[in-house]
């Protein structure tokens, strides 16, 4: 037996070059706009949107904030960061800035990028704008040349796990005792989509976001989870 008979190698990655770092481009769709987070432009409006919704901070390593000034200081601290790179989300149906998300763990040489720090105000949750904001960020990443788009969350955060599956990201397992957040253990659930899945996911989002998919009351006709189910390589056994 030759010494290298036991070796295995992944397939060659042909014609791929590392993608660019995100530069904070404004992403605009039919229902949502995603723009680089700014303390002066967004902090006061976002703080107002979060009032009465303290539960949105439960699984984040910061917040809730006791005053608009405190939240403004936090936004000022993170607004120029390159990794994580924070964005504000505007609901174009209401005209208001109603949420935050970021790119993080940005690794162009590996072709990998993560979406995280997702914090949708009660007004933004379960809206077309919320879904489209996630679509716009995923679309930018894959069209820029990233091979892998990640989503990680506290394993006890079942709404986040359901959201990842609904958006077409495949379950990849749980990292036990991955972090300590606000003095508590965090096991982290991993999800991801990869570039060869993107064309089918892109089509699923387009079908779901089409005005024809909603009745006069704004109720969906086809569920996004049904459209993305066949694309996912693995489903979350906890759901």
Protein backbone atom coordinates (compact mmCIF):
# COMPACT_ATOMS: atom_id res chain seq x y z
CA UNK A 1 0.00 0.00 0.00
CA UNK A 2 1.32 3.41 -0.89
CA UNK A 3 1.91 5.82 1.97
CA UNK A 4 -0.67 8.28 0.62
CA UNK A 5 -3.48 5.77 -0.07
CA UNK A 6 -5.31 6.94 3.07
CA UNK A 7 -5.40 10.56 2.01
CA UNK A 8 -8.54 12.35 0.97
CA UNK A 9 -8.81 15.78 -0.58
CA UNK A 10 -11.67 18.15 -1.23
CA UNK A 11 -12.55 19.09 -4.79
CA UNK A 12 -10.54 21.89 -6.38
CA UNK A 13 -12.07 25.36 -6.11
CA UNK A 14 -11.77 26.51 -9.69
CA UNK A 15 -12.08 30.09 -10.87
CA UNK A 16 -12.68 31.55 -7.41
CA UNK A 17 -10.88 34.52 -5.92
CA UNK A 18 -11.38 35.96 -2.43
CA UNK A 19 -14.27 38.44 -2.36
CA UNK A 20 -13.98 42.01 -1.14
CA UNK A 21 -14.61 43.21 2.38
CA UNK A 22 -18.06 44.78 2.71
CA UNK A 23 -17.90 48.55 2.51
CA UNK A 24 -21.28 49.38 4.04
CA UNK A 25 -23.17 49.85 0.80
CA UNK A 26 -26.83 50.88 1.10
CA UNK A 27 -29.03 47.95 0.10
CA UNK A 28 -32.56 48.80 -0.99
CA UNK A 29 -35.44 46.52 -1.84
CA UNK A 30 -39.20 46.82 -2.19
CA UNK A 31 -39.93 46.71 1.54
CA UNK A 32 -36.63 47.34 3.33
CA UNK A 33 -33.47 49.39 3.23
CA UNK A 34 -30.23 48.40 4.94
CA UNK A 35 -27.73 51.20 5.65
CA UNK A 36 -24.57 51.57 7.73
CA UNK A 37 -25.57 52.20 11.34
CA UNK A 38 -25.04 55.80 12.46
CA UNK A 39 -25.49 57.19 15.96
CA UNK A 40 -26.57 60.60 14.68
CA UNK A 41 -28.94 59.26 12.02
CA UNK A 42 -30.43 56.20 13.70
CA UNK A 43 -29.82 55.87 17.45
CA UNK A 44 -32.73 57.97 18.73
CA UNK A 45 -35.18 56.45 16.24
CA UNK A 46 -34.08 52.90 17.00
CA UNK A 47 -34.23 53.43 20.74
CA UNK A 48 -37.81 54.62 20.35
CA UNK A 49 -38.65 51.52 18.29
CA UNK A 50 -37.26 49.23 21.00
CA UNK A 51 -39.27 50.79 23.85
CA UNK A 52 -41.45 48.16 25.49
CA UNK A 53 -39.60 45.30 23.83
CA UNK A 54 -36.84 44.45 26.31
CA UNK A 55 -37.03 40.76 25.36
CA UNK A 56 -35.22 41.56 22.10
CA UNK A 57 -32.01 41.97 24.13
CA UNK A 58 -32.25 38.62 25.93
CA UNK A 59 -29.70 36.73 23.81
CA UNK A 60 -27.43 39.64 22.89
CA UNK A 61 -24.25 40.38 24.89
CA UNK A 62 -25.40 43.98 25.51
CA UNK A 63 -28.62 45.78 26.38
CA UNK A 64 -31.28 46.58 27.29
CA UNK A 65 -30.36 50.25 27.56
CA UNK A 66 -31.85 52.43 30.26
CA UNK A 67 -31.91 55.65 28.24
CA UNK A 68 -31.65 57.03 24.73
CA UNK A 69 -28.32 58.61 25.68
CA UNK A 70 -26.92 55.24 26.79
CA UNK A 71 -28.01 53.59 23.55
CA UNK A 72 -26.58 56.51 21.54
CA UNK A 73 -23.20 55.98 23.25
CA UNK A 74 -23.25 52.28 22.39
CA UNK A 75 -24.06 53.00 18.73
CA UNK A 76 -21.28 55.60 18.67
CA UNK A 77 -18.84 52.93 19.89
CA UNK A 78 -19.73 50.38 17.20
CA UNK A 79 -20.75 52.46 14.19
CA UNK A 80 -17.28 52.62 12.59
CA UNK A 81 -16.32 49.00 13.25
CA UNK A 82 -15.29 46.88 10.28
CA UNK A 83 -15.97 43.51 11.96
CA UNK A 84 -18.64 43.43 13.14
CA UNK A 85 -20.02 45.94 10.66
CA UNK A 86 -23.39 47.17 11.90
CA UNK A 87 -26.38 48.19 9.78
CA UNK A 88 -29.70 49.85 10.55
CA UNK A 89 -32.84 48.48 8.91
CA UNK A 90 -35.57 50.76 7.62
CA UNK A 91 -39.06 49.44 7.04
CA UNK A 92 -40.06 51.15 3.82
CA UNK A 93 -43.73 50.37 4.46
CA UNK A 94 -43.71 52.48 7.64
CA UNK A 95 -40.78 54.74 6.75
CA UNK A 96 -39.18 54.05 10.15
CA UNK A 97 -35.81 52.66 11.23
CA UNK A 98 -36.83 49.57 13.18
CA UNK A 99 -33.92 47.15 13.55
CA UNK A 100 -30.23 46.33 13.44
CA UNK A 101 -28.08 43.55 11.99
CA UNK A 102 -24.41 43.12 11.17
CA UNK A 103 -21.84 41.28 9.15
CA UNK A 104 -19.19 39.68 11.34
CA UNK A 105 -16.45 37.05 11.30
CA UNK A 106 -15.68 38.32 7.82
CA UNK A 107 -13.06 36.05 6.25
CA UNK A 108 -12.57 36.80 2.54
CA UNK A 109 -9.67 34.34 2.21
CA UNK A 110 -12.00 31.55 3.31
CA UNK A 111 -14.95 33.04 1.45
CA UNK A 112 -16.98 33.06 4.66
CA UNK A 113 -19.13 35.74 6.26
CA UNK A 114 -21.66 35.69 9.10
CA UNK A 115 -24.82 37.65 9.76
CA UNK A 116 -25.46 38.41 13.41
CA UNK A 117 -26.33 40.91 16.12
CA UNK A 118 -29.82 40.67 14.65
CA UNK A 119 -32.15 42.83 16.71
CA UNK A 120 -35.58 43.46 15.25
CA UNK A 121 -37.90 45.75 17.18
CA UNK A 122 -41.42 44.47 17.88
CA UNK A 123 -42.65 46.63 14.97
CA UNK A 124 -40.24 45.00 12.52
CA UNK A 125 -40.74 41.39 13.58
CA UNK A 126 -42.80 39.19 11.25
CA UNK A 127 -42.90 41.80 8.49
CA UNK A 128 -41.95 41.65 4.84
CA UNK A 129 -39.29 44.25 5.58
CA UNK A 130 -37.63 41.97 8.15
CA UNK A 131 -37.41 39.11 5.68
CA UNK A 132 -36.24 41.31 2.83
CA UNK A 133 -33.51 42.86 4.97
CA UNK A 134 -32.10 39.39 5.59
CA UNK A 135 -32.43 38.58 1.90
CA UNK A 136 -30.61 41.76 0.87
CA UNK A 137 -27.68 41.01 3.18
CA UNK A 138 -27.43 37.40 1.99
CA UNK A 139 -27.74 38.49 -1.64
CA UNK A 140 -24.92 41.01 -1.29
CA UNK A 141 -22.62 38.39 0.24
CA UNK A 142 -23.14 35.72 -2.41
CA UNK A 143 -23.08 38.16 -5.32
CA UNK A 144 -19.82 39.61 -3.94
CA UNK A 145 -18.29 36.12 -4.19
CA UNK A 146 -18.58 34.67 -0.69
CA UNK A 147 -18.89 30.87 -0.62
CA UNK A 148 -20.44 30.48 2.83
CA UNK A 149 -23.00 32.56 4.72
CA UNK A 150 -23.30 31.77 8.43
CA UNK A 151 -25.90 32.29 11.13
CA UNK A 152 -25.16 31.44 14.76
CA UNK A 153 -27.38 31.85 17.79
CA UNK A 154 -27.84 30.76 21.38
CA UNK A 155 -29.06 27.17 21.19
CA UNK A 156 -31.92 28.12 23.55
CA UNK A 157 -33.08 30.91 21.23
CA UNK A 158 -35.73 28.93 19.40
CA UNK A 159 -37.17 31.91 17.45
CA UNK A 160 -33.70 32.52 15.99
CA UNK A 161 -33.28 28.86 15.10
CA UNK A 162 -36.67 28.86 13.37
CA UNK A 163 -35.75 32.05 11.52
CA UNK A 164 -32.51 30.54 10.23
CA UNK A 165 -34.35 27.51 8.88
CA UNK A 166 -37.10 29.62 7.35
CA UNK A 167 -34.48 31.68 5.49
CA UNK A 168 -33.02 28.50 4.02
CA UNK A 169 -29.90 28.10 6.15
CA UNK A 170 -28.99 24.50 6.95
CA UNK A 171 -28.48 23.21 10.48
CA UNK A 172 -24.85 22.26 11.20
CA UNK A 173 -24.90 21.36 14.88
CA UNK A 174 -24.39 22.81 18.36
CA UNK A 175 -21.09 23.93 19.85
CA UNK A 176 -21.36 23.20 23.57
CA UNK A 177 -20.17 25.79 26.11
CA UNK A 178 -19.13 28.08 23.28
CA UNK A 179 -19.35 31.31 25.28
CA UNK A 180 -20.36 33.03 28.49
CA UNK A 181 -22.94 35.75 27.85
CA UNK A 182 -24.25 37.98 30.62
CA UNK A 183 -22.87 35.54 33.16
CA UNK A 184 -24.64 32.51 31.67
CA UNK A 185 -23.44 29.58 29.61
CA UNK A 186 -24.17 29.72 25.91
CA UNK A 187 -24.28 26.69 23.66
CA UNK A 188 -24.24 27.94 20.08
CA UNK A 189 -26.35 26.52 17.24
CA UNK A 190 -24.77 26.82 13.80
CA UNK A 191 -26.53 27.32 10.47
CA UNK A 192 -25.18 28.18 7.02
CA UNK A 193 -25.96 28.43 3.34
CA UNK A 194 -23.34 27.91 0.65
CA UNK A 195 -22.91 29.38 -2.79
CA UNK A 196 -24.26 26.45 -4.77
CA UNK A 197 -27.53 26.74 -2.83
CA UNK A 198 -27.88 30.43 -3.50
CA UNK A 199 -29.59 30.36 -6.94
CA UNK A 200 -32.45 28.26 -5.56
CA UNK A 201 -32.68 30.37 -2.37
CA UNK A 202 -32.65 33.56 -4.42
CA UNK A 203 -35.58 32.28 -6.47
CA UNK A 204 -37.46 31.27 -3.30
CA UNK A 205 -37.05 34.76 -1.84
CA UNK A 206 -38.17 36.40 -5.06
CA UNK A 207 -41.32 34.27 -5.14
CA UNK A 208 -42.11 34.99 -1.49
CA UNK A 209 -41.40 38.74 -1.72
CA UNK A 210 -43.45 39.20 -4.87
CA UNK A 211 -46.55 41.37 -4.32
CA UNK A 212 -48.56 38.55 -5.91
CA UNK A 213 -47.71 36.36 -2.91
CA UNK A 214 -49.80 38.55 -0.59
CA UNK A 215 -53.53 39.15 -0.46
CA UNK A 216 -55.21 42.51 0.06
CA UNK A 217 -54.78 42.18 3.83
CA UNK A 218 -51.04 41.54 3.43
CA UNK A 219 -51.31 37.86 4.33
CA UNK A 220 -48.88 35.50 2.62
CA UNK A 221 -50.16 32.88 0.21
CA UNK A 222 -47.01 30.72 0.14
CA UNK A 223 -44.81 30.28 3.21
CA UNK A 224 -41.11 31.02 2.79
CA UNK A 225 -40.23 27.94 4.85
CA UNK A 226 -42.04 25.79 2.30
CA UNK A 227 -40.14 27.43 -0.55
CA UNK A 228 -36.72 26.94 1.09
CA UNK A 229 -37.27 23.48 2.58
CA UNK A 230 -35.97 21.54 -0.41
CA UNK A 231 -32.83 23.68 -0.62
CA UNK A 232 -31.69 23.06 2.96
CA UNK A 233 -29.07 20.34 3.31
CA UNK A 234 -30.13 19.58 6.90
CA UNK A 235 -33.02 20.55 9.14
CA UNK A 236 -32.84 21.47 12.81
CA UNK A 237 -33.95 18.43 14.85
CA UNK A 238 -35.05 20.70 17.70
CA UNK A 239 -37.79 22.29 15.59
